[in-house]
Amino acid sequence: MKHLPPFRVVFVCNFNQCRSVAAEYFLRKLLLEKDKKLFNRVEITSAGIVFKKILRLLEQKGIPEPQFGKNCSQQVIEIASGHGIDISNHTSKPFSEDLAEGADLIVTMEEFQKREILSRYSQADGRVFTFREFFGISGSTIIEDSFTLPEYDPDTDHYAFPYEFDEQTIDAVERCLRRGLKKFCRWFKE
């Protein structure tokens, strides 16, 4: 029997603390529920890419540059748990050349993240799509909230949005993935 190679998908947002994490874990959950055979052939991960303009905005507000290697905030963990996914062991990581080269599909939450990936890793061309492009989303969506900076809590060293924002964001990611699951399945079966 021929062993089929795994397909690799990477979701990308800014800090790898909410949107891309939710997409990673929801896609795993949905594939496990809907297509176990495909679930066993797909490696799903997420990463963050901090865009230069965001670094300038952070600096202007006196907020330190986010460091990767951190867990999600307790607020995001609780909201995700309410949606049936456990992200408590997730550790943020930066988007890397290895991810750019090894991914079959890279889905960014925003257009500027796609541009940043392609400017750094041209070899990813043709495999990078925004969430909006991949799912055919029209109109505004909370998933794409360009350049909105989270609040920074120096006591916990966490970046956080208001509860309602994180709740709406995670809910929107889940809805889009549910609607777009067939497209993911087709992408990986072709």
C-alpha atoms as a PDB file:
ATOM      1  CA  MET A   1       0.000   0.000   0.000  1.00  0.00           C
ATOM      2  CA  LYS A   2       1.351   3.395  -1.000  1.00  0.00           C
ATOM      3  CA  HIS A   3       1.741   5.852   1.876  1.00  0.00           C
ATOM      4  CA  LEU A   4       0.276   9.229   0.991  1.00  0.00           C
ATOM      5  CA  PRO A   5       2.253  12.228   2.209  1.00  0.00           C
ATOM      6  CA  PRO A   6       0.587  14.538   4.678  1.00  0.00           C
ATOM      7  CA  PHE A   7      -0.854  17.783   3.451  1.00  0.00           C
ATOM      8  CA  ARG A   8       0.250  20.799   5.453  1.00  0.00           C
ATOM      9  CA  VAL A   9      -1.860  23.866   6.176  1.00  0.00           C
ATOM     10  CA  VAL A  10      -0.714  26.893   8.160  1.00  0.00           C
ATOM     11  CA  PHE A  11      -2.985  29.639   9.476  1.00  0.00           C
ATOM     12  CA  VAL A  12      -1.269  32.980  10.089  1.00  0.00           C
ATOM     13  CA  CYS A  13      -2.221  36.046  12.104  1.00  0.00           C
ATOM     14  CA  ASN A  14      -0.158  38.700  13.883  1.00  0.00           C
ATOM     15  CA  PHE A  15       0.774  37.267  17.263  1.00  0.00           C
ATOM     16  CA  ASN A  16      -0.486  33.654  16.946  1.00  0.00           C
ATOM     17  CA  GLN A  17      -2.644  34.175  20.025  1.00  0.00           C
ATOM     18  CA  CYS A  18      -6.277  34.119  18.825  1.00  0.00           C
ATOM     19  CA  ARG A  19      -7.417  34.034  15.182  1.00  0.00           C
ATOM     20  CA  SER A  20      -4.869  31.648  13.674  1.00  0.00           C
ATOM     21  CA  VAL A  21      -4.988  29.442  16.770  1.00  0.00           C
ATOM     22  CA  ALA A  22      -8.787  29.227  16.614  1.00  0.00           C
ATOM     23  CA  ALA A  23      -8.612  28.359  12.899  1.00  0.00           C
ATOM     24  CA  GLU A  24      -5.991  25.651  13.530  1.00  0.00           C
ATOM     25  CA  TYR A  25      -7.962  23.941  16.290  1.00  0.00           C
ATOM     26  CA  PHE A  26     -11.399  24.345  14.666  1.00  0.00           C
ATOM     27  CA  LEU A  27     -10.165  22.829  11.395  1.00  0.00           C
ATOM     28  CA  ARG A  28      -8.761  19.843  13.283  1.00  0.00           C
ATOM     29  CA  LYS A  29     -12.048  19.393  15.131  1.00  0.00           C
ATOM     30  CA  LEU A  30     -14.160  19.719  11.988  1.00  0.00           C
ATOM     31  CA  LEU A  31     -12.007  17.342   9.944  1.00  0.00           C
ATOM     32  CA  LEU A  32     -12.082  14.776  12.736  1.00  0.00           C
ATOM     33  CA  GLU A  33     -15.889  15.000  12.830  1.00  0.00           C
ATOM     34  CA  LYS A  34     -16.475  15.031   9.058  1.00  0.00           C
ATOM     35  CA  ASP A  35     -13.610  13.193   7.332  1.00  0.00           C
ATOM     36  CA  LYS A  36     -11.389  11.028   9.564  1.00  0.00           C
ATOM     37  CA  LYS A  37      -9.446   9.658   6.603  1.00  0.00           C
ATOM     38  CA  LEU A  38      -8.494  13.176   5.494  1.00  0.00           C
ATOM     39  CA  PHE A  39      -7.892  14.216   9.118  1.00  0.00           C
ATOM     40  CA  ASN A  40      -5.148  11.589   9.321  1.00  0.00           C
ATOM     41  CA  ARG A  41      -3.461  13.012   6.203  1.00  0.00           C
ATOM     42  CA  VAL A  42      -3.491  16.721   7.090  1.00  0.00           C
ATOM     43  CA  GLU A  43      -1.045  18.477   9.394  1.00  0.00           C
ATOM     44  CA  ILE A  44      -2.528  21.724  10.653  1.00  0.00           C
ATOM     45  CA  THR A  45      -0.591  24.409  12.485  1.00  0.00           C
ATOM     46  CA  SER A  46      -0.587  28.157  13.008  1.00  0.00           C
ATOM     47  CA  ALA A  47       1.977  30.908  13.347  1.00  0.00           C
ATOM     48  CA  GLY A  48       2.352  34.652  13.708  1.00  0.00           C
ATOM     49  CA  ILE A  49       4.036  37.220  11.532  1.00  0.00           C
ATOM     50  CA  VAL A  50       4.550  40.662  12.995  1.00  0.00           C
ATOM     51  CA  PHE A  51       4.307  43.217  10.219  1.00  0.00           C
ATOM     52  CA  LYS A  52       6.646  46.226  10.280  1.00  0.00           C
ATOM     53  CA  LYS A  53       3.768  48.714  10.513  1.00  0.00           C
ATOM     54  CA  ILE A  54       2.420  46.940  13.599  1.00  0.00           C
ATOM     55  CA  LEU A  55       5.875  47.106  15.208  1.00  0.00           C
ATOM     56  CA  ARG A  56       5.920  50.876  14.614  1.00  0.00           C
ATOM     57  CA  LEU A  57       2.441  51.251  16.120  1.00  0.00           C
ATOM     58  CA  LEU A  58       3.439  49.217  19.173  1.00  0.00           C
ATOM     59  CA  GLU A  59       6.526  51.351  19.605  1.00  0.00           C
ATOM     60  CA  GLN A  60       4.471  54.563  19.364  1.00  0.00           C
ATOM     61  CA  LYS A  61       2.164  53.320  22.134  1.00  0.00           C
ATOM     62  CA  GLY A  62       5.101  52.205  24.283  1.00  0.00           C
ATOM     63  CA  ILE A  63       4.056  48.554  24.060  1.00  0.00           C
ATOM     64  CA  PRO A  64       6.865  45.988  23.840  1.00  0.00           C
ATOM     65  CA  GLU A  65       7.153  43.787  20.778  1.00  0.00           C
ATOM     66  CA  PRO A  66       5.328  40.508  21.422  1.00  0.00           C
ATOM     67  CA  GLN A  67       7.570  37.558  22.029  1.00  0.00           C
ATOM     68  CA  PHE A  68       6.614  34.163  20.683  1.00  0.00           C
ATOM     69  CA  GLY A  69       6.632  31.046  22.857  1.00  0.00           C
ATOM     70  CA  LYS A  70       3.671  32.120  24.994  1.00  0.00           C
ATOM     71  CA  ASN A  71       0.319  30.535  25.734  1.00  0.00           C
ATOM     72  CA  CYS A  72      -2.914  32.251  24.778  1.00  0.00           C
ATOM     73  CA  SER A  73      -4.537  34.562  27.304  1.00  0.00           C
ATOM     74  CA  GLN A  74      -6.901  32.955  29.813  1.00  0.00           C
ATOM     75  CA  GLN A  75      -9.736  34.923  28.218  1.00  0.00           C
ATOM     76  CA  VAL A  76      -9.112  33.431  24.761  1.00  0.00           C
ATOM     77  CA  ILE A  77      -8.691  29.941  26.258  1.00  0.00           C
ATOM     78  CA  GLU A  78     -12.065  30.247  28.027  1.00  0.00           C
ATOM     79  CA  ILE A  79     -13.850  31.546  24.926  1.00  0.00           C
ATOM     80  CA  ALA A  80     -12.378  28.754  22.788  1.00  0.00           C
ATOM     81  CA  SER A  81     -13.398  26.177  25.398  1.00  0.00           C
ATOM     82  CA  GLY A  82     -16.955  27.499  25.170  1.00  0.00           C
ATOM     83  CA  HIS A  83     -16.776  26.704  21.444  1.00  0.00           C
ATOM     84  CA  GLY A  84     -15.595  23.158  22.087  1.00  0.00           C
ATOM     85  CA  ILE A  85     -11.861  23.494  21.445  1.00  0.00           C
ATOM     86  CA  ASP A  86      -9.033  23.243  23.962  1.00  0.00           C
ATOM     87  CA  ILE A  87      -6.192  25.621  23.136  1.00  0.00           C
ATOM     88  CA  SER A  88      -4.742  25.715  26.644  1.00  0.00           C
ATOM     89  CA  ASN A  89      -1.500  24.005  25.577  1.00  0.00           C
ATOM     90  CA  HIS A  90      -0.953  26.134  22.475  1.00  0.00           C
ATOM     91  CA  THR A  91       2.351  27.993  22.375  1.00  0.00           C
ATOM     92  CA  SER A  92       2.730  30.842  19.893  1.00  0.00           C
ATOM     93  CA  LYS A  93       5.390  30.605  17.223  1.00  0.00           C
ATOM     94  CA  PRO A  94       6.645  32.821  14.412  1.00  0.00           C
ATOM     95  CA  PHE A  95       6.076  32.081  10.753  1.00  0.00           C
ATOM     96  CA  SER A  96       9.330  30.693   9.358  1.00  0.00           C
ATOM     97  CA  GLU A  97      11.066  29.686   6.179  1.00  0.00           C
ATOM     98  CA  ASP A  98      10.437  26.024   7.049  1.00  0.00           C
ATOM     99  CA  LEU A  99       6.691  26.687   7.238  1.00  0.00           C
ATOM    100  CA  ALA A 100       6.794  28.664   3.975  1.00  0.00           C
ATOM    101  CA  GLU A 101       8.581  25.847   2.170  1.00  0.00           C
ATOM    102  CA  GLY A 102       6.699  22.928   3.711  1.00  0.00           C
ATOM    103  CA  ALA A 103       3.105  24.171   3.584  1.00  0.00           C
ATOM    104  CA  ASP A 104       0.719  23.127   0.850  1.00  0.00           C
ATOM    105  CA  LEU A 105      -1.684  25.892   1.898  1.00  0.00           C
ATOM    106  CA  ILE A 106      -1.058  29.076   3.897  1.00  0.00           C
ATOM    107  CA  VAL A 107      -4.117  31.060   4.995  1.00  0.00           C
ATOM    108  CA  THR A 108      -3.524  34.516   6.452  1.00  0.00           C
ATOM    109  CA  MET A 109      -6.127  36.434   8.366  1.00  0.00           C
ATOM    110  CA  GLU A 110      -5.339  39.679   6.555  1.00  0.00           C
ATOM    111  CA  GLU A 111      -3.976  40.925   3.238  1.00  0.00           C
ATOM    112  CA  PHE A 112      -0.911  42.603   4.749  1.00  0.00           C
ATOM    113  CA  GLN A 113       0.159  39.277   6.291  1.00  0.00           C
ATOM    114  CA  LYS A 114      -0.047  37.654   2.866  1.00  0.00           C
ATOM    115  CA  ARG A 115       2.064  40.449   1.367  1.00  0.00           C
ATOM    116  CA  GLU A 116       4.605  40.161   4.182  1.00  0.00           C
ATOM    117  CA  ILE A 117       4.934  36.391   3.690  1.00  0.00           C
ATOM    118  CA  LEU A 118       5.378  36.763  -0.058  1.00  0.00           C
ATOM    119  CA  SER A 119       7.945  39.545   0.364  1.00  0.00           C
ATOM    120  CA  ARG A 120       9.996  37.370   2.726  1.00  0.00           C
ATOM    121  CA  TYR A 121       9.339  33.942   1.180  1.00  0.00           C
ATOM    122  CA  SER A 122       8.635  34.200  -2.550  1.00  0.00           C
ATOM    123  CA  GLN A 123       8.725  30.397  -2.790  1.00  0.00           C
ATOM    124  CA  ALA A 124       5.279  30.375  -1.120  1.00  0.00           C
ATOM    125  CA  ASP A 125       3.654  32.118  -4.107  1.00  0.00           C
ATOM    126  CA  GLY A 126       0.542  30.286  -5.299  1.00  0.00           C
ATOM    127  CA  ARG A 127      -0.007  28.685  -1.897  1.00  0.00           C
ATOM    128  CA  VAL A 128      -0.861  31.793   0.155  1.00  0.00           C
ATOM    129  CA  PHE A 129      -4.419  33.083   0.418  1.00  0.00           C
ATOM    130  CA  THR A 130      -6.172  35.429   2.778  1.00  0.00           C
ATOM    131  CA  PHE A 131      -9.065  34.038   4.792  1.00  0.00           C
ATOM    132  CA  ARG A 132     -11.289  36.289   2.670  1.00  0.00           C
ATOM    133  CA  GLU A 133      -9.905  34.937  -0.629  1.00  0.00           C
ATOM    134  CA  PHE A 134      -9.995  31.290   0.332  1.00  0.00           C
ATOM    135  CA  PHE A 135     -13.548  31.391   1.669  1.00  0.00           C
ATOM    136  CA  GLY A 136     -14.932  33.927  -0.801  1.00  0.00           C
ATOM    137  CA  ILE A 137     -15.994  36.296   1.983  1.00  0.00           C
ATOM    138  CA  SER A 138     -17.483  39.593   0.866  1.00  0.00           C
ATOM    139  CA  GLY A 139     -18.134  42.624   3.013  1.00  0.00           C
ATOM    140  CA  SER A 140     -16.414  43.467   6.258  1.00  0.00           C
ATOM    141  CA  THR A 141     -15.611  40.865   8.844  1.00  0.00           C
ATOM    142  CA  ILE A 142     -14.177  41.007  12.343  1.00  0.00           C
ATOM    143  CA  ILE A 143     -11.600  38.408  11.281  1.00  0.00           C
ATOM    144  CA  GLU A 144      -9.856  41.122   9.267  1.00  0.00           C
ATOM    145  CA  ASP A 145      -9.356  43.930  11.724  1.00  0.00           C
ATOM    146  CA  SER A 146      -6.221  45.497  10.325  1.00  0.00           C
ATOM    147  CA  PHE A 147      -3.963  47.428  12.644  1.00  0.00           C
ATOM    148  CA  THR A 148      -6.190  47.274  15.686  1.00  0.00           C
ATOM    149  CA  LEU A 149      -3.760  46.892  18.548  1.00  0.00           C
ATOM    150  CA  PRO A 150      -4.602  44.905  21.639  1.00  0.00           C
ATOM    151  CA  GLU A 151      -4.215  46.339  25.089  1.00  0.00           C
ATOM    152  CA  TYR A 152      -1.041  45.297  26.849  1.00  0.00           C
ATOM    153  CA  ASP A 153      -0.959  44.217  30.501  1.00  0.00           C
ATOM    154  CA  PRO A 154       2.615  44.491  31.808  1.00  0.00           C
ATOM    155  CA  ASP A 155       1.711  42.519  34.962  1.00  0.00           C
ATOM    156  CA  THR A 156       0.787  39.402  32.964  1.00  0.00           C
ATOM    157  CA  ASP A 157       2.810  40.264  29.834  1.00  0.00           C
ATOM    158  CA  HIS A 158      -0.289  39.473  27.749  1.00  0.00           C
ATOM    159  CA  TYR A 159      -1.896  41.320  24.894  1.00  0.00           C
ATOM    160  CA  ALA A 160      -5.674  41.296  25.024  1.00  0.00           C
ATOM    161  CA  PHE A 161      -8.707  42.630  23.252  1.00  0.00           C
ATOM    162  CA  PRO A 162     -12.025  43.293  25.005  1.00  0.00           C
ATOM    163  CA  TYR A 163     -13.912  40.062  25.754  1.00  0.00           C
ATOM    164  CA  GLU A 164     -16.644  40.806  23.210  1.00  0.00           C
ATOM    165  CA  PHE A 165     -14.076  41.314  20.441  1.00  0.00           C
ATOM    166  CA  ASP A 166     -12.373  37.965  21.102  1.00  0.00           C
ATOM    167  CA  GLU A 167     -15.740  36.197  21.402  1.00  0.00           C
ATOM    168  CA  GLN A 168     -16.987  37.625  18.094  1.00  0.00           C
ATOM    169  CA  THR A 169     -13.670  36.862  16.383  1.00  0.00           C
ATOM    170  CA  ILE A 170     -13.565  33.222  17.479  1.00  0.00           C
ATOM    171  CA  ASP A 171     -17.236  32.804  16.559  1.00  0.00           C
ATOM    172  CA  ALA A 172     -16.588  34.262  13.080  1.00  0.00           C
ATOM    173  CA  VAL A 173     -13.581  31.975  12.513  1.00  0.00           C
ATOM    174  CA  GLU A 174     -15.656  28.928  13.458  1.00  0.00           C
ATOM    175  CA  ARG A 175     -18.569  29.930  11.192  1.00  0.00           C
ATOM    176  CA  CYS A 176     -16.262  30.534   8.210  1.00  0.00           C
ATOM    177  CA  LEU A 177     -14.504  27.209   8.685  1.00  0.00           C
ATOM    178  CA  ARG A 178     -17.805  25.337   8.964  1.00  0.00           C
ATOM    179  CA  ARG A 179     -19.035  26.987   5.762  1.00  0.00           C
ATOM    180  CA  GLY A 180     -15.720  26.422   4.015  1.00  0.00           C
ATOM    181  CA  LEU A 181     -14.955  22.879   5.147  1.00  0.00           C
ATOM    182  CA  LYS A 182     -15.950  21.363   1.791  1.00  0.00           C
ATOM    183  CA  LYS A 183     -13.526  23.704   0.049  1.00  0.00           C
ATOM    184  CA  PHE A 184     -10.715  22.599   2.360  1.00  0.00           C
ATOM    185  CA  CYS A 185     -11.559  18.970   1.700  1.00  0.00           C
ATOM    186  CA  ARG A 186     -11.557  19.521  -2.071  1.00  0.00           C
ATOM    187  CA  TRP A 187      -8.254  21.424  -1.879  1.00  0.00           C
ATOM    188  CA  PHE A 188      -6.543  18.518  -0.171  1.00  0.00           C
ATOM    189  CA  LYS A 189      -8.124  15.783  -2.270  1.00  0.00           C
ATOM    190  CA  GLU A 190      -7.097  17.315  -5.607  1.00  0.00           C
END
